[in-house]
PDB file of N, CA and C in Angstrom:
ATOM      1  N   MET A   1       8.708 -21.587 -11.714  1.00  0.00           N
ATOM      2  CA  MET A   1       8.791 -20.495 -11.831  1.00  0.00           C
ATOM      3  C   MET A   1       8.048 -19.863 -10.423  1.00  0.00           C
ATOM      4  N   GLU A   2       8.471 -18.566  -9.735  1.00  0.00           N
ATOM      5  CA  GLU A   2       7.500 -18.583  -8.267  1.00  0.00           C
ATOM      6  C   GLU A   2       6.339 -17.026  -9.276  1.00  0.00           C
ATOM      7  N   GLU A   3       5.689 -17.427  -8.337  1.00  0.00           N
ATOM      8  CA  GLU A   3       4.199 -16.847  -8.910  1.00  0.00           C
ATOM      9  C   GLU A   3       4.670 -15.448  -8.510  1.00  0.00           C
ATOM     10  N   ARG A   4       4.950 -14.237  -9.094  1.00  0.00           N
ATOM     11  CA  ARG A   4       5.163 -12.877  -8.634  1.00  0.00           C
ATOM     12  C   ARG A   4       4.050 -12.314  -7.650  1.00  0.00           C
ATOM     13  N   LYS A   5       4.546 -11.715  -6.613  1.00  0.00           N
ATOM     14  CA  LYS A   5       3.756 -11.109  -5.132  1.00  0.00           C
ATOM     15  C   LYS A   5       2.903 -10.319  -6.082  1.00  0.00           C
ATOM     16  N   LYS A   6       1.324 -10.104  -5.524  1.00  0.00           N
ATOM     17  CA  LYS A   6       0.819  -8.835  -5.781  1.00  0.00           C
ATOM     18  C   LYS A   6       0.225  -7.813  -5.331  1.00  0.00           C
ATOM     19  N   ILE A   7       0.508  -7.022  -6.024  1.00  0.00           N
ATOM     20  CA  ILE A   7       0.789  -5.246  -4.670  1.00  0.00           C
ATOM     21  C   ILE A   7      -0.424  -4.836  -5.444  1.00  0.00           C
ATOM     22  N   LEU A   8      -1.036  -4.393  -4.131  1.00  0.00           N
ATOM     23  CA  LEU A   8      -2.462  -3.520  -3.935  1.00  0.00           C
ATOM     24  C   LEU A   8      -2.032  -1.890  -3.989  1.00  0.00           C
ATOM     25  N   ALA A   9      -1.814  -0.880  -4.933  1.00  0.00           N
ATOM     26  CA  ALA A   9      -1.759   0.544  -4.359  1.00  0.00           C
ATOM     27  C   ALA A   9      -2.781   1.073  -4.576  1.00  0.00           C
ATOM     28  N   ILE A  10      -3.309   2.033  -3.007  1.00  0.00           N
ATOM     29  CA  ILE A  10      -4.486   2.819  -3.379  1.00  0.00           C
ATOM     30  C   ILE A  10      -3.800   3.955  -3.053  1.00  0.00           C
ATOM     31  N   ASP A  11      -4.734   5.086  -3.702  1.00  0.00           N
ATOM     32  CA  ASP A  11      -4.183   6.202  -3.626  1.00  0.00           C
ATOM     33  C   ASP A  11      -5.003   7.219  -4.871  1.00  0.00           C
ATOM     34  N   ASP A  12      -5.181   8.411  -3.693  1.00  0.00           N
ATOM     35  CA  ASP A  12      -6.361   9.459  -5.179  1.00  0.00           C
ATOM     36  C   ASP A  12      -5.807  10.112  -6.043  1.00  0.00           C
ATOM     37  N   GLU A  13      -4.009  10.392  -6.142  1.00  0.00           N
ATOM     38  CA  GLU A  13      -3.363  10.693  -6.950  1.00  0.00           C
ATOM     39  C   GLU A  13      -2.999   9.935  -8.225  1.00  0.00           C
ATOM     40  N   GLU A  14      -3.526  10.084  -9.721  1.00  0.00           N
ATOM     41  CA  GLU A  14      -3.171   9.203 -10.613  1.00  0.00           C
ATOM     42  C   GLU A  14      -1.846   9.101 -10.634  1.00  0.00           C
ATOM     43  N   ASP A  15      -1.202  10.349 -10.467  1.00  0.00           N
ATOM     44  CA  ASP A  15       0.753  10.191 -10.408  1.00  0.00           C
ATOM     45  C   ASP A  15       1.082   9.721  -9.835  1.00  0.00           C
ATOM     46  N   ILE A  16       1.291   9.398  -8.522  1.00  0.00           N
ATOM     47  CA  ILE A  16       1.447   8.564  -7.652  1.00  0.00           C
ATOM     48  C   ILE A  16       1.270   7.186  -8.161  1.00  0.00           C
ATOM     49  N   ARG A  17      -0.116   6.482  -7.872  1.00  0.00           N
ATOM     50  CA  ARG A  17      -0.474   5.647  -8.373  1.00  0.00           C
ATOM     51  C   ARG A  17       0.221   4.466  -9.795  1.00  0.00           C
ATOM     52  N   PHE A  18       0.878   5.983 -10.948  1.00  0.00           N
ATOM     53  CA  PHE A  18       1.412   5.823 -12.125  1.00  0.00           C
ATOM     54  C   PHE A  18       3.015   5.244 -11.583  1.00  0.00           C
ATOM     55  N   ILE A  19       3.567   5.985 -11.142  1.00  0.00           N
ATOM     56  CA  ILE A  19       4.788   6.176 -10.083  1.00  0.00           C
ATOM     57  C   ILE A  19       4.880   4.907  -9.538  1.00  0.00           C
ATOM     58  N   LEU A  20       4.190   4.603  -8.571  1.00  0.00           N
ATOM     59  CA  LEU A  20       4.321   3.659  -8.179  1.00  0.00           C
ATOM     60  C   LEU A  20       4.176   1.659  -9.370  1.00  0.00           C
ATOM     61  N   GLU A  21       3.290   1.760  -9.521  1.00  0.00           N
ATOM     62  CA  GLU A  21       2.985   0.945 -10.906  1.00  0.00           C
ATOM     63  C   GLU A  21       4.252   0.425 -11.258  1.00  0.00           C
ATOM     64  N   GLU A  22       4.792   1.210 -12.176  1.00  0.00           N
ATOM     65  CA  GLU A  22       5.952   1.969 -12.935  1.00  0.00           C
ATOM     66  C   GLU A  22       7.468   1.435 -12.525  1.00  0.00           C
ATOM     67  N   GLU A  23       7.739   1.663 -10.795  1.00  0.00           N
ATOM     68  CA  GLU A  23       8.902   1.039  -9.905  1.00  0.00           C
ATOM     69  C   GLU A  23       8.641   0.208  -9.458  1.00  0.00           C
ATOM     70  N   LEU A  24       7.607   0.032  -8.927  1.00  0.00           N
ATOM     71  CA  LEU A  24       7.299  -1.660  -8.876  1.00  0.00           C
ATOM     72  C   LEU A  24       7.356  -2.723  -9.614  1.00  0.00           C
ATOM     73  N   THR A  25       6.445  -2.968 -10.553  1.00  0.00           N
ATOM     74  CA  THR A  25       6.605  -3.659 -12.169  1.00  0.00           C
ATOM     75  C   THR A  25       8.160  -3.621 -12.251  1.00  0.00           C
ATOM     76  N   ASP A  26       8.627  -2.612 -12.522  1.00  0.00           N
ATOM     77  CA  ASP A  26      10.319  -2.880 -12.630  1.00  0.00           C
ATOM     78  C   ASP A  26      11.163  -3.482 -11.789  1.00  0.00           C
ATOM     79  N   GLU A  27      10.616  -3.613 -10.177  1.00  0.00           N
ATOM     80  CA  GLU A  27      11.161  -4.372  -9.603  1.00  0.00           C
ATOM     81  C   GLU A  27      10.694  -5.894  -9.371  1.00  0.00           C
ATOM     82  N   GLY A  28       9.493  -6.737 -10.390  1.00  0.00           N
ATOM     83  CA  GLY A  28       9.157  -8.068 -10.201  1.00  0.00           C
ATOM     84  C   GLY A  28       8.102  -8.128 -10.002  1.00  0.00           C
ATOM     85  N   TYR A  29       7.072  -6.964  -9.250  1.00  0.00           N
ATOM     86  CA  TYR A  29       5.889  -7.627  -8.542  1.00  0.00           C
ATOM     87  C   TYR A  29       4.926  -7.070  -9.881  1.00  0.00           C
ATOM     88  N   GLU A  30       3.666  -8.020  -9.623  1.00  0.00           N
ATOM     89  CA  GLU A  30       2.445  -7.761  -9.970  1.00  0.00           C
ATOM     90  C   GLU A  30       1.715  -6.531  -9.455  1.00  0.00           C
ATOM     91  N   VAL A  31       1.618  -5.653 -10.220  1.00  0.00           N
ATOM     92  CA  VAL A  31       0.863  -4.610  -9.793  1.00  0.00           C
ATOM     93  C   VAL A  31      -0.560  -4.048 -10.040  1.00  0.00           C
ATOM     94  N   HIS A  32      -1.730  -3.262  -8.988  1.00  0.00           N
ATOM     95  CA  HIS A  32      -2.865  -3.608  -9.404  1.00  0.00           C
ATOM     96  C   HIS A  32      -2.771  -2.083  -8.640  1.00  0.00           C
ATOM     97  N   THR A  33      -3.906  -1.088  -9.377  1.00  0.00           N
ATOM     98  CA  THR A  33      -3.996   0.120  -8.571  1.00  0.00           C
ATOM     99  C   THR A  33      -5.328   0.752  -8.630  1.00  0.00           C
ATOM    100  N   LEU A  34      -5.655   1.567  -7.452  1.00  0.00           N
ATOM    101  CA  LEU A  34      -7.002   1.752  -7.207  1.00  0.00           C
ATOM    102  C   LEU A  34      -7.481   3.581  -6.695  1.00  0.00           C
ATOM    103  N   GLY A  35      -7.605   3.495  -7.171  1.00  0.00           N
ATOM    104  CA  GLY A  35      -7.956   5.584  -7.244  1.00  0.00           C
ATOM    105  C   GLY A  35      -8.961   5.682  -6.135  1.00  0.00           C
ATOM    106  N   ASP A  36     -10.047   4.973  -6.094  1.00  0.00           N
ATOM    107  CA  ASP A  36     -11.255   5.101  -5.078  1.00  0.00           C
ATOM    108  C   ASP A  36     -11.273   4.362  -3.793  1.00  0.00           C
ATOM    109  N   PRO A  37     -10.825   4.672  -2.623  1.00  0.00           N
ATOM    110  CA  PRO A  37     -10.465   3.984  -1.487  1.00  0.00           C
ATOM    111  C   PRO A  37     -11.750   3.151  -1.293  1.00  0.00           C
ATOM    112  N   THR A  38     -13.289   3.518  -1.578  1.00  0.00           N
ATOM    113  CA  THR A  38     -14.551   2.413  -1.412  1.00  0.00           C
ATOM    114  C   THR A  38     -14.146   1.698  -1.813  1.00  0.00           C
ATOM    115  N   GLN A  39     -13.521   1.672  -3.040  1.00  0.00           N
ATOM    116  CA  GLN A  39     -13.698   0.030  -4.188  1.00  0.00           C
ATOM    117  C   GLN A  39     -12.716  -1.040  -2.774  1.00  0.00           C
ATOM    118  N   ALA A  40     -12.024  -0.735  -1.927  1.00  0.00           N
ATOM    119  CA  ALA A  40     -11.085  -1.053  -2.170  1.00  0.00           C
ATOM    120  C   ALA A  40     -11.145  -3.053  -1.338  1.00  0.00           C
ATOM    121  N   LEU A  41     -12.260  -2.868  -0.885  1.00  0.00           N
ATOM    122  CA  LEU A  41     -12.823  -4.457  -0.034  1.00  0.00           C
ATOM    123  C   LEU A  41     -13.118  -5.333  -0.620  1.00  0.00           C
ATOM    124  N   ASP A  42     -13.805  -4.785  -2.191  1.00  0.00           N
ATOM    125  CA  ASP A  42     -13.850  -5.649  -3.234  1.00  0.00           C
ATOM    126  C   ASP A  42     -12.833  -6.125  -4.184  1.00  0.00           C
ATOM    127  N   THR A  43     -12.159  -5.493  -4.300  1.00  0.00           N
ATOM    128  CA  THR A  43     -10.607  -5.146  -5.246  1.00  0.00           C
ATOM    129  C   THR A  43     -10.127  -6.279  -4.287  1.00  0.00           C
ATOM    130  N   ILE A  44      -9.661  -6.373  -2.858  1.00  0.00           N
ATOM    131  CA  ILE A  44      -9.150  -7.218  -2.520  1.00  0.00           C
ATOM    132  C   ILE A  44      -9.194  -8.962  -2.342  1.00  0.00           C
ATOM    133  N   GLU A  45     -10.520  -8.543  -2.276  1.00  0.00           N
ATOM    134  CA  GLU A  45     -11.184 -10.007  -2.762  1.00  0.00           C
ATOM    135  C   GLU A  45     -11.091 -10.779  -3.341  1.00  0.00           C
ATOM    136  N   GLU A  46     -11.685  -9.698  -4.661  1.00  0.00           N
ATOM    137  CA  GLU A  46     -11.141 -10.356  -5.672  1.00  0.00           C
ATOM    138  C   GLU A  46      -9.472  -9.952  -6.528  1.00  0.00           C
ATOM    139  N   ILE A  47      -8.870  -9.578  -6.408  1.00  0.00           N
ATOM    140  CA  ILE A  47      -7.296 -10.132  -7.224  1.00  0.00           C
ATOM    141  C   ILE A  47      -6.462 -10.766  -5.869  1.00  0.00           C
ATOM    142  N   LYS A  48      -6.522 -10.376  -4.416  1.00  0.00           N
ATOM    143  CA  LYS A  48      -5.886 -10.919  -3.359  1.00  0.00           C
ATOM    144  C   LYS A  48      -4.879 -10.760  -4.067  1.00  0.00           C
ATOM    145  N   PRO A  49      -4.561  -9.163  -3.081  1.00  0.00           N
ATOM    146  CA  PRO A  49      -2.734  -9.510  -3.324  1.00  0.00           C
ATOM    147  C   PRO A  49      -2.466  -9.655  -1.770  1.00  0.00           C
ATOM    148  N   ASP A  50      -0.768  -9.319  -1.625  1.00  0.00           N
ATOM    149  CA  ASP A  50       0.398  -9.883  -0.823  1.00  0.00           C
ATOM    150  C   ASP A  50       0.555  -9.050   0.135  1.00  0.00           C
ATOM    151  N   LEU A  51       0.175  -7.775  -0.669  1.00  0.00           N
ATOM    152  CA  LEU A  51       0.144  -6.421   0.370  1.00  0.00           C
ATOM    153  C   LEU A  51      -0.459  -5.560  -0.194  1.00  0.00           C
ATOM    154  N   VAL A  52      -0.795  -4.644   0.614  1.00  0.00           N
ATOM    155  CA  VAL A  52      -1.500  -3.196   0.093  1.00  0.00           C
ATOM    156  C   VAL A  52      -0.682  -1.851   0.041  1.00  0.00           C
ATOM    157  N   LEU A  53      -0.475  -0.963  -0.290  1.00  0.00           N
ATOM    158  CA  LEU A  53       0.109   0.157  -0.337  1.00  0.00           C
ATOM    159  C   LEU A  53      -0.899   1.399   0.137  1.00  0.00           C
ATOM    160  N   LEU A  54      -0.988   2.043   1.005  1.00  0.00           N
ATOM    161  CA  LEU A  54      -2.097   2.348   0.991  1.00  0.00           C
ATOM    162  C   LEU A  54      -1.919   4.231   1.434  1.00  0.00           C
ATOM    163  N   ASP A  55      -2.299   5.020   1.042  1.00  0.00           N
ATOM    164  CA  ASP A  55      -2.537   6.495   0.947  1.00  0.00           C
ATOM    165  C   ASP A  55      -3.073   6.769   1.823  1.00  0.00           C
ATOM    166  N   ILE A  56      -2.841   7.377   3.343  1.00  0.00           N
ATOM    167  CA  ILE A  56      -3.889   8.332   4.595  1.00  0.00           C
ATOM    168  C   ILE A  56      -4.786   9.197   3.912  1.00  0.00           C
ATOM    169  N   LYS A  57      -4.639  10.319   3.507  1.00  0.00           N
ATOM    170  CA  LYS A  57      -5.239  11.371   2.920  1.00  0.00           C
ATOM    171  C   LYS A  57      -5.807  11.087   1.791  1.00  0.00           C
ATOM    172  N   MET A  58      -6.999  10.407   1.297  1.00  0.00           N
ATOM    173  CA  MET A  58      -7.943  10.341   0.244  1.00  0.00           C
ATOM    174  C   MET A  58      -9.403  10.834   0.539  1.00  0.00           C
ATOM    175  N   PRO A  59      -9.967  12.107  -0.458  1.00  0.00           N
ATOM    176  CA  PRO A  59     -10.877  12.547  -0.185  1.00  0.00           C
ATOM    177  C   PRO A  59     -12.252  11.230   0.315  1.00  0.00           C
ATOM    178  N   GLN A  60     -12.583  10.342  -0.385  1.00  0.00           N
ATOM    179  CA  GLN A  60     -13.770   9.256  -0.290  1.00  0.00           C
ATOM    180  C   GLN A  60     -13.513   8.294   1.071  1.00  0.00           C
ATOM    181  N   MET A  61     -12.456   8.415   1.576  1.00  0.00           N
ATOM    182  CA  MET A  61     -12.166   7.663   2.355  1.00  0.00           C
ATOM    183  C   MET A  61     -10.913   7.652   3.082  1.00  0.00           C
ATOM    184  N   SER A  62     -10.449   7.669   4.541  1.00  0.00           N
ATOM    185  CA  SER A  62      -9.359   8.431   4.640  1.00  0.00           C
ATOM    186  C   SER A  62      -8.663   6.899   5.252  1.00  0.00           C
ATOM    187  N   GLY A  63      -7.650   6.562   4.831  1.00  0.00           N
ATOM    188  CA  GLY A  63      -6.197   5.585   4.524  1.00  0.00           C
ATOM    189  C   GLY A  63      -6.801   4.868   6.472  1.00  0.00           C
ATOM    190  N   THR A  64      -7.132   5.600   6.950  1.00  0.00           N
ATOM    191  CA  THR A  64      -7.007   5.106   8.445  1.00  0.00           C
ATOM    192  C   THR A  64      -7.828   4.223   8.839  1.00  0.00           C
ATOM    193  N   GLU A  65      -9.229   4.809   8.249  1.00  0.00           N
ATOM    194  CA  GLU A  65     -10.438   3.984   8.325  1.00  0.00           C
ATOM    195  C   GLU A  65     -10.540   2.774   7.938  1.00  0.00           C
ATOM    196  N   LEU A  66     -10.148   3.175   6.339  1.00  0.00           N
ATOM    197  CA  LEU A  66      -9.918   1.915   5.558  1.00  0.00           C
ATOM    198  C   LEU A  66      -8.708   1.088   6.519  1.00  0.00           C
ATOM    199  N   LEU A  67      -7.906   1.217   6.386  1.00  0.00           N
ATOM    200  CA  LEU A  67      -7.128   0.303   7.087  1.00  0.00           C
ATOM    201  C   LEU A  67      -7.579  -0.763   8.280  1.00  0.00           C
ATOM    202  N   GLY A  68      -8.605  -0.085   8.578  1.00  0.00           N
ATOM    203  CA  GLY A  68      -9.283  -0.104   9.618  1.00  0.00           C
ATOM    204  C   GLY A  68     -10.277  -1.346   9.566  1.00  0.00           C
ATOM    205  N   LYS A  69     -10.965  -1.299   8.615  1.00  0.00           N
ATOM    206  CA  LYS A  69     -11.970  -2.643   7.836  1.00  0.00           C
ATOM    207  C   LYS A  69     -10.218  -3.641   6.929  1.00  0.00           C
ATOM    208  N   ILE A  70      -9.716  -3.444   6.744  1.00  0.00           N
ATOM    209  CA  ILE A  70      -8.847  -4.521   6.144  1.00  0.00           C
ATOM    210  C   ILE A  70      -8.865  -5.237   7.108  1.00  0.00           C
ATOM    211  N   ARG A  71      -7.800  -4.636   8.111  1.00  0.00           N
ATOM    212  CA  ARG A  71      -7.811  -5.410   9.567  1.00  0.00           C
ATOM    213  C   ARG A  71      -8.956  -6.261  10.166  1.00  0.00           C
ATOM    214  N   ASP A  72     -10.096  -5.483   9.993  1.00  0.00           N
ATOM    215  CA  ASP A  72     -11.191  -6.397  10.514  1.00  0.00           C
ATOM    216  C   ASP A  72     -11.391  -7.843   9.357  1.00  0.00           C
ATOM    217  N   ARG A  73     -10.933  -7.787   7.781  1.00  0.00           N
ATOM    218  CA  ARG A  73     -11.511  -8.812   7.255  1.00  0.00           C
ATOM    219  C   ARG A  73     -10.718  -9.184   6.785  1.00  0.00           C
ATOM    220  N   TYR A  74      -9.084  -8.848   6.891  1.00  0.00           N
ATOM    221  CA  TYR A  74      -8.019  -9.324   6.378  1.00  0.00           C
ATOM    222  C   TYR A  74      -6.854  -9.344   7.401  1.00  0.00           C
ATOM    223  N   TYR A  75      -7.088  -9.707   8.656  1.00  0.00           N
ATOM    224  CA  TYR A  75      -5.856  -9.307   9.582  1.00  0.00           C
ATOM    225  C   TYR A  75      -4.686  -9.263   8.993  1.00  0.00           C
ATOM    226  N   ASP A  76      -3.993 -10.664   8.285  1.00  0.00           N
ATOM    227  CA  ASP A  76      -2.771 -10.941   8.023  1.00  0.00           C
ATOM    228  C   ASP A  76      -2.215 -10.384   6.792  1.00  0.00           C
ATOM    229  N   LEU A  77      -3.278  -8.910   6.234  1.00  0.00           N
ATOM    230  CA  LEU A  77      -2.623  -9.326   4.853  1.00  0.00           C
ATOM    231  C   LEU A  77      -1.539  -7.872   5.231  1.00  0.00           C
ATOM    232  N   PRO A  78      -0.115  -7.710   5.127  1.00  0.00           N
ATOM    233  CA  PRO A  78       0.403  -6.877   4.630  1.00  0.00           C
ATOM    234  C   PRO A  78       0.142  -5.320   4.735  1.00  0.00           C
ATOM    235  N   VAL A  79      -0.004  -4.399   4.979  1.00  0.00           N
ATOM    236  CA  VAL A  79      -0.162  -2.981   4.372  1.00  0.00           C
ATOM    237  C   VAL A  79       0.565  -1.784   5.051  1.00  0.00           C
ATOM    238  N   ILE A  80       1.320  -1.029   4.348  1.00  0.00           N
ATOM    239  CA  ILE A  80       2.314  -0.033   4.100  1.00  0.00           C
ATOM    240  C   ILE A  80       1.285   1.586   3.897  1.00  0.00           C
ATOM    241  N   LEU A  81       1.564   1.809   5.026  1.00  0.00           N
ATOM    242  CA  LEU A  81       0.707   3.381   4.707  1.00  0.00           C
ATOM    243  C   LEU A  81       1.764   4.344   4.411  1.00  0.00           C
ATOM    244  N   LEU A  82       0.899   5.463   2.918  1.00  0.00           N
ATOM    245  CA  LEU A  82       2.094   6.216   2.267  1.00  0.00           C
ATOM    246  C   LEU A  82       1.252   7.596   2.709  1.00  0.00           C
ATOM    247  N   THR A  83       2.301   8.621   3.090  1.00  0.00           N
ATOM    248  CA  THR A  83       1.840  10.036   2.895  1.00  0.00           C
ATOM    249  C   THR A  83       2.971  10.607   3.154  1.00  0.00           C
ATOM    250  N   ALA A  84       2.765  12.180   2.214  1.00  0.00           N
ATOM    251  CA  ALA A  84       3.288  12.925   2.207  1.00  0.00           C
ATOM    252  C   ALA A  84       3.407  13.875   3.922  1.00  0.00           C
ATOM    253  N   TYR A  85       2.871  13.441   4.550  1.00  0.00           N
ATOM    254  CA  TYR A  85       2.923  14.235   5.785  1.00  0.00           C
ATOM    255  C   TYR A  85       3.338  13.199   7.010  1.00  0.00           C
ATOM    256  N   SER A  86       4.476  13.832   7.505  1.00  0.00           N
ATOM    257  CA  SER A  86       5.355  12.577   8.378  1.00  0.00           C
ATOM    258  C   SER A  86       4.458  12.690   9.877  1.00  0.00           C
ATOM    259  N   SER A  87       3.333  13.807  10.061  1.00  0.00           N
ATOM    260  CA  SER A  87       2.859  13.709  11.415  1.00  0.00           C
ATOM    261  C   SER A  87       2.167  12.902  11.895  1.00  0.00           C
ATOM    262  N   PHE A  88       1.493  12.087  10.677  1.00  0.00           N
ATOM    263  CA  PHE A  88       0.847  11.162  11.017  1.00  0.00           C
ATOM    264  C   PHE A  88       1.568   9.468  11.623  1.00  0.00           C
ATOM    265  N   LYS A  89       2.683  10.186  11.814  1.00  0.00           N
ATOM    266  CA  LYS A  89       3.252   9.105  12.340  1.00  0.00           C
ATOM    267  C   LYS A  89       2.789   8.801  14.059  1.00  0.00           C
ATOM    268  N   ARG A  90       2.754   9.988  14.720  1.00  0.00           N
ATOM    269  CA  ARG A  90       2.113   9.909  16.306  1.00  0.00           C
ATOM    270  C   ARG A  90       0.469   9.671  16.290  1.00  0.00           C
ATOM    271  N   ASP A  91      -0.081   9.500  15.343  1.00  0.00           N
ATOM    272  CA  ASP A  91      -1.612   8.641  14.986  1.00  0.00           C
ATOM    273  C   ASP A  91      -1.532   7.705  15.393  1.00  0.00           C
ATOM    274  N   ILE A  92      -2.341   7.126  16.459  1.00  0.00           N
ATOM    275  CA  ILE A  92      -2.633   5.643  17.179  1.00  0.00           C
ATOM    276  C   ILE A  92      -3.195   5.130  15.794  1.00  0.00           C
ATOM    277  N   ALA A  93      -4.006   5.094  14.967  1.00  0.00           N
ATOM    278  CA  ALA A  93      -4.603   4.482  13.899  1.00  0.00           C
ATOM    279  C   ALA A  93      -3.447   3.860  12.950  1.00  0.00           C
ATOM    280  N   CYS A  94      -2.597   4.300  13.134  1.00  0.00           N
ATOM    281  CA  CYS A  94      -1.551   4.029  11.888  1.00  0.00           C
ATOM    282  C   CYS A  94      -0.702   3.275  12.438  1.00  0.00           C
ATOM    283  N   ALA A  95      -0.793   2.471  13.758  1.00  0.00           N
ATOM    284  CA  ALA A  95       0.260   1.479  14.274  1.00  0.00           C
ATOM    285  C   ALA A  95      -0.210   0.276  13.780  1.00  0.00           C
ATOM    286  N   ALA A  96      -1.633   0.416  12.945  1.00  0.00           N
ATOM    287  CA  ALA A  96      -1.991  -0.787  12.640  1.00  0.00           C
ATOM    288  C   ALA A  96      -1.479  -1.131  11.444  1.00  0.00           C
ATOM    289  N   SER A  97      -0.767  -0.616  10.838  1.00  0.00           N
ATOM    290  CA  SER A  97      -0.127  -1.198   9.580  1.00  0.00           C
ATOM    291  C   SER A  97       0.928  -1.875  10.158  1.00  0.00           C
ATOM    292  N   ASP A  98       1.775  -2.346   8.864  1.00  0.00           N
ATOM    293  CA  ASP A  98       2.765  -3.073   8.803  1.00  0.00           C
ATOM    294  C   ASP A  98       4.142  -1.969   9.144  1.00  0.00           C
ATOM    295  N   TYR A  99       4.306  -0.837   8.452  1.00  0.00           N
ATOM    296  CA  TYR A  99       4.856  -0.313   8.470  1.00  0.00           C
ATOM    297  C   TYR A  99       4.463   1.399   7.878  1.00  0.00           C
ATOM    298  N   TYR A 100       5.351   2.611   7.911  1.00  0.00           N
ATOM    299  CA  TYR A 100       4.411   3.814   7.584  1.00  0.00           C
ATOM    300  C   TYR A 100       5.878   4.577   6.432  1.00  0.00           C
ATOM    301  N   VAL A 101       5.353   5.076   5.340  1.00  0.00           N
ATOM    302  CA  VAL A 101       6.376   5.575   4.777  1.00  0.00           C
ATOM    303  C   VAL A 101       5.830   6.684   4.171  1.00  0.00           C
ATOM    304  N   VAL A 102       7.007   7.507   4.134  1.00  0.00           N
ATOM    305  CA  VAL A 102       6.373   9.337   4.000  1.00  0.00           C
ATOM    306  C   VAL A 102       6.797   9.076   2.649  1.00  0.00           C
ATOM    307  N   LYS A 103       5.663  10.056   1.332  1.00  0.00           N
ATOM    308  CA  LYS A 103       6.290   9.692   0.393  1.00  0.00           C
ATOM    309  C   LYS A 103       7.016  10.761   0.072  1.00  0.00           C
ATOM    310  N   SER A 104       7.901  10.305  -1.277  1.00  0.00           N
ATOM    311  CA  SER A 104       9.303  11.231  -1.466  1.00  0.00           C
ATOM    312  C   SER A 104       8.771  10.377  -3.246  1.00  0.00           C
ATOM    313  N   GLY A 105      10.189  11.207  -4.126  1.00  0.00           N
ATOM    314  CA  GLY A 105      10.456  11.073  -5.294  1.00  0.00           C
ATOM    315  C   GLY A 105      11.219   9.797  -5.265  1.00  0.00           C
ATOM    316  N   ASP A 106      11.442   9.027  -4.499  1.00  0.00           N
ATOM    317  CA  ASP A 106      13.016   8.218  -4.510  1.00  0.00           C
ATOM    318  C   ASP A 106      12.260   6.789  -2.961  1.00  0.00           C
ATOM    319  N   LEU A 107      12.354   6.025  -3.878  1.00  0.00           N
ATOM    320  CA  LEU A 107      11.197   4.592  -3.050  1.00  0.00           C
ATOM    321  C   LEU A 107      12.090   3.751  -2.673  1.00  0.00           C
ATOM    322  N   THR A 108      13.267   4.527  -2.207  1.00  0.00           N
ATOM    323  CA  THR A 108      14.354   3.279  -2.045  1.00  0.00           C
ATOM    324  C   THR A 108      13.698   2.358  -0.825  1.00  0.00           C
ATOM    325  N   GLU A 109      13.399   3.487   0.206  1.00  0.00           N
ATOM    326  CA  GLU A 109      12.466   2.937   1.692  1.00  0.00           C
ATOM    327  C   GLU A 109      11.416   2.533   1.104  1.00  0.00           C
ATOM    328  N   LEU A 110      10.628   2.393   0.683  1.00  0.00           N
ATOM    329  CA  LEU A 110       9.349   2.116  -0.038  1.00  0.00           C
ATOM    330  C   LEU A 110       9.678   0.251  -0.241  1.00  0.00           C
ATOM    331  N   LYS A 111      11.224   0.208  -1.350  1.00  0.00           N
ATOM    332  CA  LYS A 111      11.258  -0.526  -1.891  1.00  0.00           C
ATOM    333  C   LYS A 111      11.924  -1.850  -0.871  1.00  0.00           C
ATOM    334  N   GLU A 112      12.314  -1.058   0.541  1.00  0.00           N
ATOM    335  CA  GLU A 112      13.216  -1.576   1.034  1.00  0.00           C
ATOM    336  C   GLU A 112      12.324  -2.477   2.214  1.00  0.00           C
ATOM    337  N   ARG A 113      11.194  -1.775   2.283  1.00  0.00           N
ATOM    338  CA  ARG A 113       9.652  -1.857   3.158  1.00  0.00           C
ATOM    339  C   ARG A 113       9.410  -3.304   2.306  1.00  0.00           C
ATOM    340  N   ILE A 114       8.933  -3.364   1.746  1.00  0.00           N
ATOM    341  CA  ILE A 114       8.334  -4.078   0.618  1.00  0.00           C
ATOM    342  C   ILE A 114       9.587  -5.500   0.589  1.00  0.00           C
ATOM    343  N   ALA A 115      10.755  -4.809   0.074  1.00  0.00           N
ATOM    344  CA  ALA A 115      11.554  -6.724   0.419  1.00  0.00           C
ATOM    345  C   ALA A 115      11.612  -7.168   1.955  1.00  0.00           C
ATOM    346  N   ARG A 116      11.328  -6.220   2.800  1.00  0.00           N
ATOM    347  CA  ARG A 116      11.385  -7.012   4.208  1.00  0.00           C
ATOM    348  C   ARG A 116      10.028  -8.036   4.429  1.00  0.00           C
ATOM    349  N   ILE A 117       8.656  -7.083   4.199  1.00  0.00           N
ATOM    350  CA  ILE A 117       7.775  -7.955   4.106  1.00  0.00           C
ATOM    351  C   ILE A 117       7.930  -9.246   3.472  1.00  0.00           C
ATOM    352  N   PHE A 118       8.448  -9.100   2.015  1.00  0.00           N
ATOM    353  CA  PHE A 118       8.400 -10.671   1.247  1.00  0.00           C
ATOM    354  C   PHE A 118       9.428 -11.348   1.184  1.00  0.00           C
ATOM    355  N   LYS A 119      10.400 -10.664   2.383  1.00  0.00           N
ATOM    356  CA  LYS A 119      12.089 -11.105   2.533  1.00  0.00           C
ATOM    357  C   LYS A 119      12.745 -11.636   1.245  1.00  0.00           C
ATOM    358  N   VAL A 120      12.982 -10.841   0.737  1.00  0.00           N
ATOM    359  CA  VAL A 120      13.809 -10.645  -0.295  1.00  0.00           C
ATOM    360  C   VAL A 120      14.557 -10.172  -0.256  1.00  0.00           C
ATOM    361  N   LYS A 121      15.822  -9.771  -1.495  1.00  0.00           N
ATOM    362  CA  LYS A 121      16.620  -9.086  -1.268  1.00  0.00           C
ATOM    363  C   LYS A 121      16.742  -8.373  -2.578  1.00  0.00           C
ATOM    364  N   ILE A 122      16.932  -6.635  -2.308  1.00  0.00           N
ATOM    365  CA  ILE A 122      16.905  -6.161  -3.521  1.00  0.00           C
ATOM    366  C   ILE A 122      18.130  -5.655  -3.855  1.00  0.00           C
TER     367      ILE A 122
END
């Protein structure tokens, strides 16, 4: 049996983390969540995720700042940026991500991007 892909979802909003965990677990992924981005690098080292979902606007540290730190240490680790604001698409720092998804109640686009990264059919 193939090992489930691990996803680390980093978002300061508990309800968003809950939705991501529920929906993506239902898709067959092993989902870990984190509310404090300052703990992200240690958590990545500990659980060795196959993908990181990263909120851009967080009070402790911006997602783009964390993305830079992830790229410095884990260059090949896929990262999808999540935000409620489509205006961040123009931010050059976002270009280091694999995908950029605007948050919504419908996770279809996010699931498609994840499937594309893992090259699985949904």
